[in-house]
């Protein structure tokens, strides 16, 4: 079986995870090139991951005739233009979420994707590839919970990252809390229910870091969703979790309920000492979803080799972004927003 040569753009925290997986954990794949404005990151890619080509210019990287595909892990605001450029060069594309931050721009990118039906486009909603979430999906599909009535999601980053986030919040180009963090939970709500979001109401608070008010960012936010089939979604997102990385999903149905990652446990160890009963917690998303990141990238390469389209589509990206931006609008206007 042939080897797919991949170039990656963006070598930040998430980009390095994808780069390491492509270089070391994904069969039939070679991490051939890397693109970054940071010279130290390119040196890392070459010396630690064996990357052959390093670029400071994305256009130059995708013009390399050796490339088969690109993995995009750059800031969210660059995704659309980088997706478009790669597809027009005949490359397969994996892009981190969100697909973009502007709905018109996303629609234009979807048009480009649709004009290249033989090329693979995959969006990075990695929680769909986590073993626990997949098992929960199987139970829902089998009717074990009956008809779903409520989906409740927590997604809160550890406090350890707050100082850095506050420092760079004004220039982060993340799209805000709901587009940056809640978008994973929005995708899960759509995935589990097979319904679209009809209405949203969002609120938020900057408690420990009130200075975020000045840059229109949120430390903690919450949203209530009503879906087209009347199912309810309850989302809580934050960046200031004292005990670690807290991701939890609860599904309530007419026949029962289930919780995924009720506690963000690091492992199966329980420590009993003078502090009482202590269960170590996962401290960040790379640790909690390490397996999911590998599985989704394996699917991307497998889809290229077998010429089949992946489960996660550009439409999933569009719909999740619509909801995230509606949550942002609801918070800013302090009103219920109906989606068209």
C-alpha atoms as a PDB file:
ATOM      1  CA  UNK A   1       0.000   0.000   0.000  1.00  0.00           C
ATOM      2  CA  UNK A   2       1.348   3.435  -0.917  1.00  0.00           C
ATOM      3  CA  UNK A   3       2.529   6.009   1.602  1.00  0.00           C
ATOM      4  CA  UNK A   4       0.633   9.310   1.853  1.00  0.00           C
ATOM      5  CA  UNK A   5       2.908  12.330   2.193  1.00  0.00           C
ATOM      6  CA  UNK A   6       1.379  14.965   4.463  1.00  0.00           C
ATOM      7  CA  UNK A   7       2.316  18.566   5.169  1.00  0.00           C
ATOM      8  CA  UNK A   8       1.111  20.264   8.339  1.00  0.00           C
ATOM      9  CA  UNK A   9       0.511  23.973   8.908  1.00  0.00           C
ATOM     10  CA  UNK A  10       0.519  25.137  12.519  1.00  0.00           C
ATOM     11  CA  UNK A  11       2.760  23.598  15.175  1.00  0.00           C
ATOM     12  CA  UNK A  12       1.185  24.962  18.332  1.00  0.00           C
ATOM     13  CA  UNK A  13      -0.102  22.697  21.082  1.00  0.00           C
ATOM     14  CA  UNK A  14      -2.677  20.938  18.893  1.00  0.00           C
ATOM     15  CA  UNK A  15      -0.534  21.033  15.762  1.00  0.00           C
ATOM     16  CA  UNK A  16       2.253  19.186  17.568  1.00  0.00           C
ATOM     17  CA  UNK A  17      -0.177  16.453  18.597  1.00  0.00           C
ATOM     18  CA  UNK A  18      -1.214  15.905  14.980  1.00  0.00           C
ATOM     19  CA  UNK A  19       2.389  16.154  13.785  1.00  0.00           C
ATOM     20  CA  UNK A  20       3.564  13.530  16.285  1.00  0.00           C
ATOM     21  CA  UNK A  21       0.719  11.191  15.356  1.00  0.00           C
ATOM     22  CA  UNK A  22       1.296  11.576  11.624  1.00  0.00           C
ATOM     23  CA  UNK A  23       5.017  10.969  12.091  1.00  0.00           C
ATOM     24  CA  UNK A  24       4.836   8.115  14.583  1.00  0.00           C
ATOM     25  CA  UNK A  25       1.376   6.604  15.089  1.00  0.00           C
ATOM     26  CA  UNK A  26      -0.444   6.492  11.741  1.00  0.00           C
ATOM     27  CA  UNK A  27       0.338   3.689   9.245  1.00  0.00           C
ATOM     28  CA  UNK A  28       0.912   4.350   5.519  1.00  0.00           C
ATOM     29  CA  UNK A  29       1.727   7.974   6.232  1.00  0.00           C
ATOM     30  CA  UNK A  30       4.814  10.198   6.168  1.00  0.00           C
ATOM     31  CA  UNK A  31       4.905  13.624   7.761  1.00  0.00           C
ATOM     32  CA  UNK A  32       6.855  15.096   4.864  1.00  0.00           C
ATOM     33  CA  UNK A  33       6.574  18.870   5.393  1.00  0.00           C
ATOM     34  CA  UNK A  34       5.736  21.438   8.054  1.00  0.00           C
ATOM     35  CA  UNK A  35       4.829  25.112   7.850  1.00  0.00           C
ATOM     36  CA  UNK A  36       5.257  27.624  10.663  1.00  0.00           C
ATOM     37  CA  UNK A  37       6.392  31.199  11.163  1.00  0.00           C
ATOM     38  CA  UNK A  38       8.285  30.027  14.238  1.00  0.00           C
ATOM     39  CA  UNK A  39      11.777  28.828  13.299  1.00  0.00           C
ATOM     40  CA  UNK A  40      12.109  26.826  16.524  1.00  0.00           C
ATOM     41  CA  UNK A  41       8.976  24.853  15.642  1.00  0.00           C
ATOM     42  CA  UNK A  42      10.399  23.985  12.225  1.00  0.00           C
ATOM     43  CA  UNK A  43      13.659  22.872  13.818  1.00  0.00           C
ATOM     44  CA  UNK A  44      11.635  20.680  16.193  1.00  0.00           C
ATOM     45  CA  UNK A  45       9.725  19.148  13.264  1.00  0.00           C
ATOM     46  CA  UNK A  46      12.929  18.308  11.416  1.00  0.00           C
ATOM     47  CA  UNK A  47      15.029  17.060  14.324  1.00  0.00           C
ATOM     48  CA  UNK A  48      12.369  15.324  16.425  1.00  0.00           C
ATOM     49  CA  UNK A  49       9.869  14.152  13.801  1.00  0.00           C
ATOM     50  CA  UNK A  50      12.044  13.628  10.751  1.00  0.00           C
ATOM     51  CA  UNK A  51      10.248  16.158   8.550  1.00  0.00           C
ATOM     52  CA  UNK A  52      12.094  16.634   5.252  1.00  0.00           C
ATOM     53  CA  UNK A  53      10.852  20.092   4.271  1.00  0.00           C
ATOM     54  CA  UNK A  54      10.197  23.149   6.428  1.00  0.00           C
ATOM     55  CA  UNK A  55       8.347  26.205   5.165  1.00  0.00           C
ATOM     56  CA  UNK A  56       7.537  29.645   6.509  1.00  0.00           C
ATOM     57  CA  UNK A  57       5.085  30.192   3.629  1.00  0.00           C
ATOM     58  CA  UNK A  58       1.945  28.054   3.254  1.00  0.00           C
ATOM     59  CA  UNK A  59       1.613  28.704  -0.493  1.00  0.00           C
ATOM     60  CA  UNK A  60       5.130  27.405  -1.029  1.00  0.00           C
ATOM     61  CA  UNK A  61       4.439  24.256   0.978  1.00  0.00           C
ATOM     62  CA  UNK A  62       1.291  23.287  -0.912  1.00  0.00           C
ATOM     63  CA  UNK A  63       3.101  23.915  -4.210  1.00  0.00           C
ATOM     64  CA  UNK A  64       5.501  21.068  -3.348  1.00  0.00           C
ATOM     65  CA  UNK A  65       4.776  18.352  -5.913  1.00  0.00           C
ATOM     66  CA  UNK A  66       5.664  15.603  -3.418  1.00  0.00           C
ATOM     67  CA  UNK A  67       2.675  16.372  -1.170  1.00  0.00           C
ATOM     68  CA  UNK A  68      -0.516  14.304  -1.191  1.00  0.00           C
ATOM     69  CA  UNK A  69      -2.374  15.969   1.684  1.00  0.00           C
ATOM     70  CA  UNK A  70      -2.301  18.734   4.276  1.00  0.00           C
ATOM     71  CA  UNK A  71      -3.295  18.874   7.933  1.00  0.00           C
ATOM     72  CA  UNK A  72      -4.423  22.342   9.027  1.00  0.00           C
ATOM     73  CA  UNK A  73      -3.902  23.250  12.686  1.00  0.00           C
ATOM     74  CA  UNK A  74      -3.463  27.002  12.308  1.00  0.00           C
ATOM     75  CA  UNK A  75      -5.587  29.686  14.052  1.00  0.00           C
ATOM     76  CA  UNK A  76      -9.291  29.396  13.187  1.00  0.00           C
ATOM     77  CA  UNK A  77      -9.439  32.566  11.127  1.00  0.00           C
ATOM     78  CA  UNK A  78      -7.072  31.106   8.516  1.00  0.00           C
ATOM     79  CA  UNK A  79      -8.837  27.788   7.973  1.00  0.00           C
ATOM     80  CA  UNK A  80     -11.084  28.674   5.039  1.00  0.00           C
ATOM     81  CA  UNK A  81      -8.399  30.232   2.873  1.00  0.00           C
ATOM     82  CA  UNK A  82      -5.962  27.418   3.612  1.00  0.00           C
ATOM     83  CA  UNK A  83      -8.570  24.740   2.866  1.00  0.00           C
ATOM     84  CA  UNK A  84      -9.455  26.415  -0.430  1.00  0.00           C
ATOM     85  CA  UNK A  85      -5.849  26.803  -1.531  1.00  0.00           C
ATOM     86  CA  UNK A  86      -4.964  23.181  -0.778  1.00  0.00           C
ATOM     87  CA  UNK A  87      -8.003  21.776  -2.576  1.00  0.00           C
ATOM     88  CA  UNK A  88      -7.296  23.907  -5.627  1.00  0.00           C
ATOM     89  CA  UNK A  89      -3.786  22.400  -5.666  1.00  0.00           C
ATOM     90  CA  UNK A  90      -5.314  18.921  -5.802  1.00  0.00           C
ATOM     91  CA  UNK A  91      -4.484  17.989  -2.206  1.00  0.00           C
ATOM     92  CA  UNK A  92      -6.555  16.082   0.330  1.00  0.00           C
ATOM     93  CA  UNK A  93      -7.343  18.154   3.417  1.00  0.00           C
ATOM     94  CA  UNK A  94      -7.735  17.545   7.129  1.00  0.00           C
ATOM     95  CA  UNK A  95      -8.660  20.717   9.014  1.00  0.00           C
ATOM     96  CA  UNK A  96      -9.088  21.341  12.692  1.00  0.00           C
ATOM     97  CA  UNK A  97     -12.389  22.808  13.827  1.00  0.00           C
ATOM     98  CA  UNK A  98     -13.968  25.208  13.223  1.00  0.00           C
ATOM     99  CA  UNK A  99     -14.088  25.190   9.443  1.00  0.00           C
ATOM    100  CA  UNK A 100     -14.166  29.000   9.677  1.00  0.00           C
ATOM    101  CA  UNK A 101     -15.551  31.933  11.635  1.00  0.00           C
ATOM    102  CA  UNK A 102     -17.728  33.616   8.990  1.00  0.00           C
ATOM    103  CA  UNK A 103     -20.776  31.821   7.585  1.00  0.00           C
ATOM    104  CA  UNK A 104     -20.497  33.298   4.094  1.00  0.00           C
ATOM    105  CA  UNK A 105     -16.831  32.363   3.951  1.00  0.00           C
ATOM    106  CA  UNK A 106     -17.644  28.838   5.156  1.00  0.00           C
ATOM    107  CA  UNK A 107     -20.318  28.462   2.475  1.00  0.00           C
ATOM    108  CA  UNK A 108     -17.824  29.565  -0.172  1.00  0.00           C
ATOM    109  CA  UNK A 109     -15.362  26.970   1.133  1.00  0.00           C
ATOM    110  CA  UNK A 110     -18.065  24.296   0.993  1.00  0.00           C
ATOM    111  CA  UNK A 111     -18.562  25.200  -2.657  1.00  0.00           C
ATOM    112  CA  UNK A 112     -14.843  24.622  -3.239  1.00  0.00           C
ATOM    113  CA  UNK A 113     -15.046  21.280  -1.403  1.00  0.00           C
ATOM    114  CA  UNK A 114     -18.026  20.223  -3.518  1.00  0.00           C
ATOM    115  CA  UNK A 115     -16.125  21.091  -6.706  1.00  0.00           C
ATOM    116  CA  UNK A 116     -13.480  18.537  -5.739  1.00  0.00           C
ATOM    117  CA  UNK A 117     -15.521  15.401  -4.934  1.00  0.00           C
ATOM    118  CA  UNK A 118     -12.596  13.027  -5.509  1.00  0.00           C
ATOM    119  CA  UNK A 119     -10.485  14.720  -2.871  1.00  0.00           C
ATOM    120  CA  UNK A 120     -10.916  13.916   0.806  1.00  0.00           C
ATOM    121  CA  UNK A 121     -11.951  16.681   3.173  1.00  0.00           C
ATOM    122  CA  UNK A 122     -12.197  15.888   6.881  1.00  0.00           C
ATOM    123  CA  UNK A 123     -12.942  18.142   9.836  1.00  0.00           C
ATOM    124  CA  UNK A 124     -11.464  17.533  13.285  1.00  0.00           C
ATOM    125  CA  UNK A 125     -14.301  16.695  15.656  1.00  0.00           C
ATOM    126  CA  UNK A 126     -12.174  14.166  17.515  1.00  0.00           C
ATOM    127  CA  UNK A 127     -14.653  13.318  20.285  1.00  0.00           C
ATOM    128  CA  UNK A 128     -16.597  11.227  17.777  1.00  0.00           C
ATOM    129  CA  UNK A 129     -13.529   8.969  17.669  1.00  0.00           C
ATOM    130  CA  UNK A 130     -13.211   8.493  21.427  1.00  0.00           C
ATOM    131  CA  UNK A 131     -14.038   4.947  22.578  1.00  0.00           C
ATOM    132  CA  UNK A 132     -16.416   6.088  25.336  1.00  0.00           C
ATOM    133  CA  UNK A 133     -18.367   8.402  23.052  1.00  0.00           C
ATOM    134  CA  UNK A 134     -18.559   5.733  20.359  1.00  0.00           C
ATOM    135  CA  UNK A 135     -19.922   3.227  22.860  1.00  0.00           C
ATOM    136  CA  UNK A 136     -22.519   5.762  24.020  1.00  0.00           C
ATOM    137  CA  UNK A 137     -23.497   6.362  20.392  1.00  0.00           C
ATOM    138  CA  UNK A 138     -24.015   2.616  19.919  1.00  0.00           C
ATOM    139  CA  UNK A 139     -26.322   2.512  22.952  1.00  0.00           C
ATOM    140  CA  UNK A 140     -28.344   5.463  21.681  1.00  0.00           C
ATOM    141  CA  UNK A 141     -28.617   3.916  18.208  1.00  0.00           C
ATOM    142  CA  UNK A 142     -29.757   0.627  19.747  1.00  0.00           C
ATOM    143  CA  UNK A 143     -32.588   2.431  21.536  1.00  0.00           C
ATOM    144  CA  UNK A 144     -31.275   1.713  25.031  1.00  0.00           C
ATOM    145  CA  UNK A 145     -32.210   5.216  26.228  1.00  0.00           C
ATOM    146  CA  UNK A 146     -35.469   5.470  24.321  1.00  0.00           C
ATOM    147  CA  UNK A 147     -36.166   8.888  22.824  1.00  0.00           C
ATOM    148  CA  UNK A 148     -33.603  11.484  23.858  1.00  0.00           C
ATOM    149  CA  UNK A 149     -34.968  14.459  25.770  1.00  0.00           C
ATOM    150  CA  UNK A 150     -31.867  16.244  27.147  1.00  0.00           C
ATOM    151  CA  UNK A 151     -28.171  16.362  26.259  1.00  0.00           C
ATOM    152  CA  UNK A 152     -26.008  18.116  28.857  1.00  0.00           C
ATOM    153  CA  UNK A 153     -22.355  18.886  28.162  1.00  0.00           C
ATOM    154  CA  UNK A 154     -19.508  20.310  30.240  1.00  0.00           C
ATOM    155  CA  UNK A 155     -16.277  21.356  28.536  1.00  0.00           C
ATOM    156  CA  UNK A 156     -13.911  23.261  30.842  1.00  0.00           C
ATOM    157  CA  UNK A 157     -10.171  23.757  30.356  1.00  0.00           C
ATOM    158  CA  UNK A 158      -7.796  23.688  33.360  1.00  0.00           C
ATOM    159  CA  UNK A 159      -6.956  26.844  35.275  1.00  0.00           C
ATOM    160  CA  UNK A 160      -3.291  26.277  34.477  1.00  0.00           C
ATOM    161  CA  UNK A 161      -3.850  27.703  30.995  1.00  0.00           C
ATOM    162  CA  UNK A 162      -5.698  30.853  32.048  1.00  0.00           C
ATOM    163  CA  UNK A 163      -2.719  33.157  32.514  1.00  0.00           C
ATOM    164  CA  UNK A 164      -1.447  32.463  29.007  1.00  0.00           C
ATOM    165  CA  UNK A 165      -4.935  32.748  27.524  1.00  0.00           C
ATOM    166  CA  UNK A 166      -5.599  36.117  29.167  1.00  0.00           C
ATOM    167  CA  UNK A 167      -2.244  37.418  27.953  1.00  0.00           C
ATOM    168  CA  UNK A 168      -2.984  36.654  24.305  1.00  0.00           C
ATOM    169  CA  UNK A 169      -6.815  36.779  24.311  1.00  0.00           C
ATOM    170  CA  UNK A 170      -7.056  40.016  22.348  1.00  0.00           C
ATOM    171  CA  UNK A 171      -5.147  38.563  19.407  1.00  0.00           C
ATOM    172  CA  UNK A 172      -6.149  34.901  19.642  1.00  0.00           C
ATOM    173  CA  UNK A 173      -8.450  34.847  16.578  1.00  0.00           C
ATOM    174  CA  UNK A 174     -10.299  31.942  18.210  1.00  0.00           C
ATOM    175  CA  UNK A 175     -13.818  33.172  17.507  1.00  0.00           C
ATOM    176  CA  UNK A 176     -14.700  33.326  21.192  1.00  0.00           C
ATOM    177  CA  UNK A 177     -15.576  30.737  23.837  1.00  0.00           C
ATOM    178  CA  UNK A 178     -18.535  29.169  22.042  1.00  0.00           C
ATOM    179  CA  UNK A 179     -16.772  28.795  18.667  1.00  0.00           C
ATOM    180  CA  UNK A 180     -13.512  27.695  20.240  1.00  0.00           C
ATOM    181  CA  UNK A 181     -14.745  25.305  22.931  1.00  0.00           C
ATOM    182  CA  UNK A 182     -18.509  24.680  22.842  1.00  0.00           C
ATOM    183  CA  UNK A 183     -18.334  23.717  19.179  1.00  0.00           C
ATOM    184  CA  UNK A 184     -17.255  20.183  20.157  1.00  0.00           C
ATOM    185  CA  UNK A 185     -20.312  19.805  22.383  1.00  0.00           C
ATOM    186  CA  UNK A 186     -22.570  21.324  19.727  1.00  0.00           C
ATOM    187  CA  UNK A 187     -21.315  18.693  17.308  1.00  0.00           C
ATOM    188  CA  UNK A 188     -22.000  15.959  19.861  1.00  0.00           C
ATOM    189  CA  UNK A 189     -25.558  17.215  20.401  1.00  0.00           C
ATOM    190  CA  UNK A 190     -26.195  17.022  16.635  1.00  0.00           C
ATOM    191  CA  UNK A 191     -24.438  13.647  16.392  1.00  0.00           C
ATOM    192  CA  UNK A 192     -26.385  11.987  19.187  1.00  0.00           C
ATOM    193  CA  UNK A 193     -29.799  13.449  18.353  1.00  0.00           C
ATOM    194  CA  UNK A 194     -29.606  13.579  14.531  1.00  0.00           C
ATOM    195  CA  UNK A 195     -31.498  16.874  14.800  1.00  0.00           C
ATOM    196  CA  UNK A 196     -30.580  20.489  14.147  1.00  0.00           C
ATOM    197  CA  UNK A 197     -30.562  23.357  16.633  1.00  0.00           C
ATOM    198  CA  UNK A 198     -33.532  25.726  16.273  1.00  0.00           C
ATOM    199  CA  UNK A 199     -33.055  28.226  19.134  1.00  0.00           C
ATOM    200  CA  UNK A 200     -30.264  29.274  21.508  1.00  0.00           C
ATOM    201  CA  UNK A 201     -29.981  31.362  24.648  1.00  0.00           C
ATOM    202  CA  UNK A 202     -26.495  32.050  26.019  1.00  0.00           C
ATOM    203  CA  UNK A 203     -25.086  33.746  29.102  1.00  0.00           C
ATOM    204  CA  UNK A 204     -21.614  34.150  30.579  1.00  0.00           C
ATOM    205  CA  UNK A 205     -19.440  35.579  33.318  1.00  0.00           C
ATOM    206  CA  UNK A 206     -15.843  36.680  33.842  1.00  0.00           C
ATOM    207  CA  UNK A 207     -15.288  36.119  37.554  1.00  0.00           C
ATOM    208  CA  UNK A 208     -11.597  35.446  38.174  1.00  0.00           C
ATOM    209  CA  UNK A 209     -10.470  37.464  35.147  1.00  0.00           C
ATOM    210  CA  UNK A 210     -12.827  40.434  34.679  1.00  0.00           C
ATOM    211  CA  UNK A 211     -10.312  42.038  32.297  1.00  0.00           C
ATOM    212  CA  UNK A 212     -11.593  39.646  29.612  1.00  0.00           C
ATOM    213  CA  UNK A 213     -14.627  41.932  29.355  1.00  0.00           C
ATOM    214  CA  UNK A 214     -12.386  44.459  27.598  1.00  0.00           C
ATOM    215  CA  UNK A 215     -11.514  42.069  24.749  1.00  0.00           C
ATOM    216  CA  UNK A 216     -14.997  40.545  24.379  1.00  0.00           C
ATOM    217  CA  UNK A 217     -13.867  37.125  25.616  1.00  0.00           C
ATOM    218  CA  UNK A 218     -15.444  34.803  28.178  1.00  0.00           C
ATOM    219  CA  UNK A 219     -13.971  32.859  31.056  1.00  0.00           C
ATOM    220  CA  UNK A 220     -17.171  30.833  31.531  1.00  0.00           C
ATOM    221  CA  UNK A 221     -20.275  30.584  29.377  1.00  0.00           C
ATOM    222  CA  UNK A 222     -23.467  28.558  29.237  1.00  0.00           C
ATOM    223  CA  UNK A 223     -26.101  28.000  26.581  1.00  0.00           C
ATOM    224  CA  UNK A 224     -29.516  26.408  26.362  1.00  0.00           C
ATOM    225  CA  UNK A 225     -30.461  24.887  23.014  1.00  0.00           C
ATOM    226  CA  UNK A 226     -33.792  23.760  21.611  1.00  0.00           C
ATOM    227  CA  UNK A 227     -33.550  21.347  18.707  1.00  0.00           C
ATOM    228  CA  UNK A 228     -35.957  20.894  15.826  1.00  0.00           C
ATOM    229  CA  UNK A 229     -37.388  17.766  17.503  1.00  0.00           C
ATOM    230  CA  UNK A 230     -37.775  19.656  20.836  1.00  0.00           C
ATOM    231  CA  UNK A 231     -34.815  17.892  22.447  1.00  0.00           C
ATOM    232  CA  UNK A 232     -33.009  20.207  24.870  1.00  0.00           C
ATOM    233  CA  UNK A 233     -29.278  20.859  24.959  1.00  0.00           C
ATOM    234  CA  UNK A 234     -27.479  22.367  27.960  1.00  0.00           C
ATOM    235  CA  UNK A 235     -23.880  23.481  27.432  1.00  0.00           C
ATOM    236  CA  UNK A 236     -21.326  24.788  29.921  1.00  0.00           C
ATOM    237  CA  UNK A 237     -17.919  25.893  28.643  1.00  0.00           C
ATOM    238  CA  UNK A 238     -15.058  27.442  30.541  1.00  0.00           C
ATOM    239  CA  UNK A 239     -11.339  28.036  30.754  1.00  0.00           C
ATOM    240  CA  UNK A 240     -10.847  28.004  34.538  1.00  0.00           C
ATOM    241  CA  UNK A 241     -11.308  24.519  36.018  1.00  0.00           C
ATOM    242  CA  UNK A 242      -9.325  24.142  39.250  1.00  0.00           C
ATOM    243  CA  UNK A 243      -9.091  20.336  39.295  1.00  0.00           C
ATOM    244  CA  UNK A 244      -8.011  19.793  35.683  1.00  0.00           C
ATOM    245  CA  UNK A 245      -9.556  19.219  32.263  1.00  0.00           C
ATOM    246  CA  UNK A 246     -13.258  18.522  32.777  1.00  0.00           C
ATOM    247  CA  UNK A 247     -15.267  17.078  29.914  1.00  0.00           C
ATOM    248  CA  UNK A 248     -18.564  15.406  30.723  1.00  0.00           C
ATOM    249  CA  UNK A 249     -21.621  14.510  28.654  1.00  0.00           C
ATOM    250  CA  UNK A 250     -24.985  13.319  29.951  1.00  0.00           C
ATOM    251  CA  UNK A 251     -27.762  11.886  27.800  1.00  0.00           C
ATOM    252  CA  UNK A 252     -31.287  11.617  29.203  1.00  0.00           C
ATOM    253  CA  UNK A 253     -33.977   9.629  27.427  1.00  0.00           C
ATOM    254  CA  UNK A 254     -37.409   8.170  28.006  1.00  0.00           C
ATOM    255  CA  UNK A 255     -35.956   4.770  28.997  1.00  0.00           C
ATOM    256  CA  UNK A 256     -32.818   5.775  30.852  1.00  0.00           C
ATOM    257  CA  UNK A 257     -29.773   7.973  30.963  1.00  0.00           C
ATOM    258  CA  UNK A 258     -26.003   7.700  30.673  1.00  0.00           C
ATOM    259  CA  UNK A 259     -22.984   9.793  31.539  1.00  0.00           C
ATOM    260  CA  UNK A 260     -19.701   9.872  29.652  1.00  0.00           C
ATOM    261  CA  UNK A 261     -16.647  10.740  31.771  1.00  0.00           C
ATOM    262  CA  UNK A 262     -18.733  11.530  34.839  1.00  0.00           C
ATOM    263  CA  UNK A 263     -15.426  12.420  36.491  1.00  0.00           C
ATOM    264  CA  UNK A 264     -12.364  13.341  34.400  1.00  0.00           C
ATOM    265  CA  UNK A 265     -10.302  10.509  35.875  1.00  0.00           C
ATOM    266  CA  UNK A 266      -6.686  10.230  34.753  1.00  0.00           C
ATOM    267  CA  UNK A 267      -6.608   6.465  35.310  1.00  0.00           C
ATOM    268  CA  UNK A 268      -8.107   3.723  37.482  1.00  0.00           C
ATOM    269  CA  UNK A 269      -6.002   4.618  40.543  1.00  0.00           C
ATOM    270  CA  UNK A 270      -7.709   5.681  43.776  1.00  0.00           C
ATOM    271  CA  UNK A 271      -5.458   7.049  46.547  1.00  0.00           C
ATOM    272  CA  UNK A 272      -6.615   6.835  50.175  1.00  0.00           C
ATOM    273  CA  UNK A 273      -4.542   8.906  52.593  1.00  0.00           C
ATOM    274  CA  UNK A 274      -4.771  11.790  55.081  1.00  0.00           C
ATOM    275  CA  UNK A 275      -6.463  13.884  52.391  1.00  0.00           C
ATOM    276  CA  UNK A 276      -9.284  11.367  52.127  1.00  0.00           C
ATOM    277  CA  UNK A 277     -10.066   9.592  48.867  1.00  0.00           C
ATOM    278  CA  UNK A 278      -8.223  11.094  45.901  1.00  0.00           C
ATOM    279  CA  UNK A 279      -8.686  10.220  42.238  1.00  0.00           C
ATOM    280  CA  UNK A 280      -6.134  11.869  39.914  1.00  0.00           C
ATOM    281  CA  UNK A 281      -7.708  13.920  37.102  1.00  0.00           C
ATOM    282  CA  UNK A 282      -6.721  14.434  33.489  1.00  0.00           C
ATOM    283  CA  UNK A 283      -5.010  17.803  33.206  1.00  0.00           C
ATOM    284  CA  UNK A 284      -5.517  18.628  29.527  1.00  0.00           C
ATOM    285  CA  UNK A 285      -7.240  17.541  26.322  1.00  0.00           C
ATOM    286  CA  UNK A 286      -4.141  15.872  24.769  1.00  0.00           C
ATOM    287  CA  UNK A 287      -4.125  13.450  27.691  1.00  0.00           C
ATOM    288  CA  UNK A 288      -7.887  12.798  27.769  1.00  0.00           C
ATOM    289  CA  UNK A 289      -8.326  12.347  24.015  1.00  0.00           C
ATOM    290  CA  UNK A 290      -4.929  10.925  23.027  1.00  0.00           C
ATOM    291  CA  UNK A 291      -6.478   7.826  21.469  1.00  0.00           C
ATOM    292  CA  UNK A 292      -9.183   9.781  19.664  1.00  0.00           C
ATOM    293  CA  UNK A 293      -6.619  12.025  17.966  1.00  0.00           C
ATOM    294  CA  UNK A 294      -4.806   8.971  16.615  1.00  0.00           C
ATOM    295  CA  UNK A 295      -8.000   7.242  15.486  1.00  0.00           C
ATOM    296  CA  UNK A 296      -9.320  10.247  13.575  1.00  0.00           C
ATOM    297  CA  UNK A 297      -6.015  10.747  11.748  1.00  0.00           C
ATOM    298  CA  UNK A 298      -5.911   7.052  10.882  1.00  0.00           C
ATOM    299  CA  UNK A 299      -9.355   7.467   9.322  1.00  0.00           C
ATOM    300  CA  UNK A 300      -8.179  10.463   7.293  1.00  0.00           C
ATOM    301  CA  UNK A 301      -5.299   8.476   5.765  1.00  0.00           C
ATOM    302  CA  UNK A 302      -7.510   5.409   5.293  1.00  0.00           C
ATOM    303  CA  UNK A 303     -10.109   7.513   3.470  1.00  0.00           C
ATOM    304  CA  UNK A 304      -7.435   8.774   1.076  1.00  0.00           C
ATOM    305  CA  UNK A 305      -6.191   5.250   0.380  1.00  0.00           C
ATOM    306  CA  UNK A 306      -9.663   3.746  -0.095  1.00  0.00           C
ATOM    307  CA  UNK A 307     -11.179   6.801  -1.809  1.00  0.00           C
ATOM    308  CA  UNK A 308     -14.104   7.048   0.607  1.00  0.00           C
ATOM    309  CA  UNK A 309     -15.390  10.189   2.288  1.00  0.00           C
ATOM    310  CA  UNK A 310     -15.120  10.419   6.110  1.00  0.00           C
ATOM    311  CA  UNK A 311     -18.012  10.491   8.555  1.00  0.00           C
ATOM    312  CA  UNK A 312     -17.416  14.119   9.556  1.00  0.00           C
ATOM    313  CA  UNK A 313     -18.288  16.454   6.691  1.00  0.00           C
ATOM    314  CA  UNK A 314     -18.074  20.146   5.887  1.00  0.00           C
ATOM    315  CA  UNK A 315     -21.832  20.347   6.526  1.00  0.00           C
ATOM    316  CA  UNK A 316     -21.223  19.249  10.120  1.00  0.00           C
ATOM    317  CA  UNK A 317     -18.718  22.064  10.398  1.00  0.00           C
ATOM    318  CA  UNK A 318     -21.123  24.619   8.953  1.00  0.00           C
ATOM    319  CA  UNK A 319     -23.998  23.643  11.239  1.00  0.00           C
ATOM    320  CA  UNK A 320     -21.872  23.555  14.388  1.00  0.00           C
ATOM    321  CA  UNK A 321     -20.395  26.954  13.575  1.00  0.00           C
ATOM    322  CA  UNK A 322     -23.859  28.407  12.932  1.00  0.00           C
ATOM    323  CA  UNK A 323     -24.904  27.375  16.421  1.00  0.00           C
ATOM    324  CA  UNK A 324     -21.680  28.599  18.047  1.00  0.00           C
ATOM    325  CA  UNK A 325     -21.991  32.019  16.403  1.00  0.00           C
ATOM    326  CA  UNK A 326     -25.659  32.172  17.392  1.00  0.00           C
ATOM    327  CA  UNK A 327     -24.610  31.520  21.014  1.00  0.00           C
ATOM    328  CA  UNK A 328     -22.096  34.348  20.768  1.00  0.00           C
ATOM    329  CA  UNK A 329     -24.775  36.656  19.342  1.00  0.00           C
ATOM    330  CA  UNK A 330     -27.237  35.634  22.047  1.00  0.00           C
ATOM    331  CA  UNK A 331     -24.728  36.434  24.780  1.00  0.00           C
ATOM    332  CA  UNK A 332     -23.788  39.788  23.261  1.00  0.00           C
ATOM    333  CA  UNK A 333     -27.406  40.856  22.647  1.00  0.00           C
ATOM    334  CA  UNK A 334     -28.861  39.182  25.748  1.00  0.00           C
ATOM    335  CA  UNK A 335     -31.697  37.637  23.770  1.00  0.00           C
ATOM    336  CA  UNK A 336     -33.011  34.382  22.342  1.00  0.00           C
ATOM    337  CA  UNK A 337     -31.679  33.690  18.844  1.00  0.00           C
ATOM    338  CA  UNK A 338     -33.579  31.579  16.337  1.00  0.00           C
ATOM    339  CA  UNK A 339     -31.562  29.784  13.669  1.00  0.00           C
ATOM    340  CA  UNK A 340     -32.760  29.685  10.098  1.00  0.00           C
END
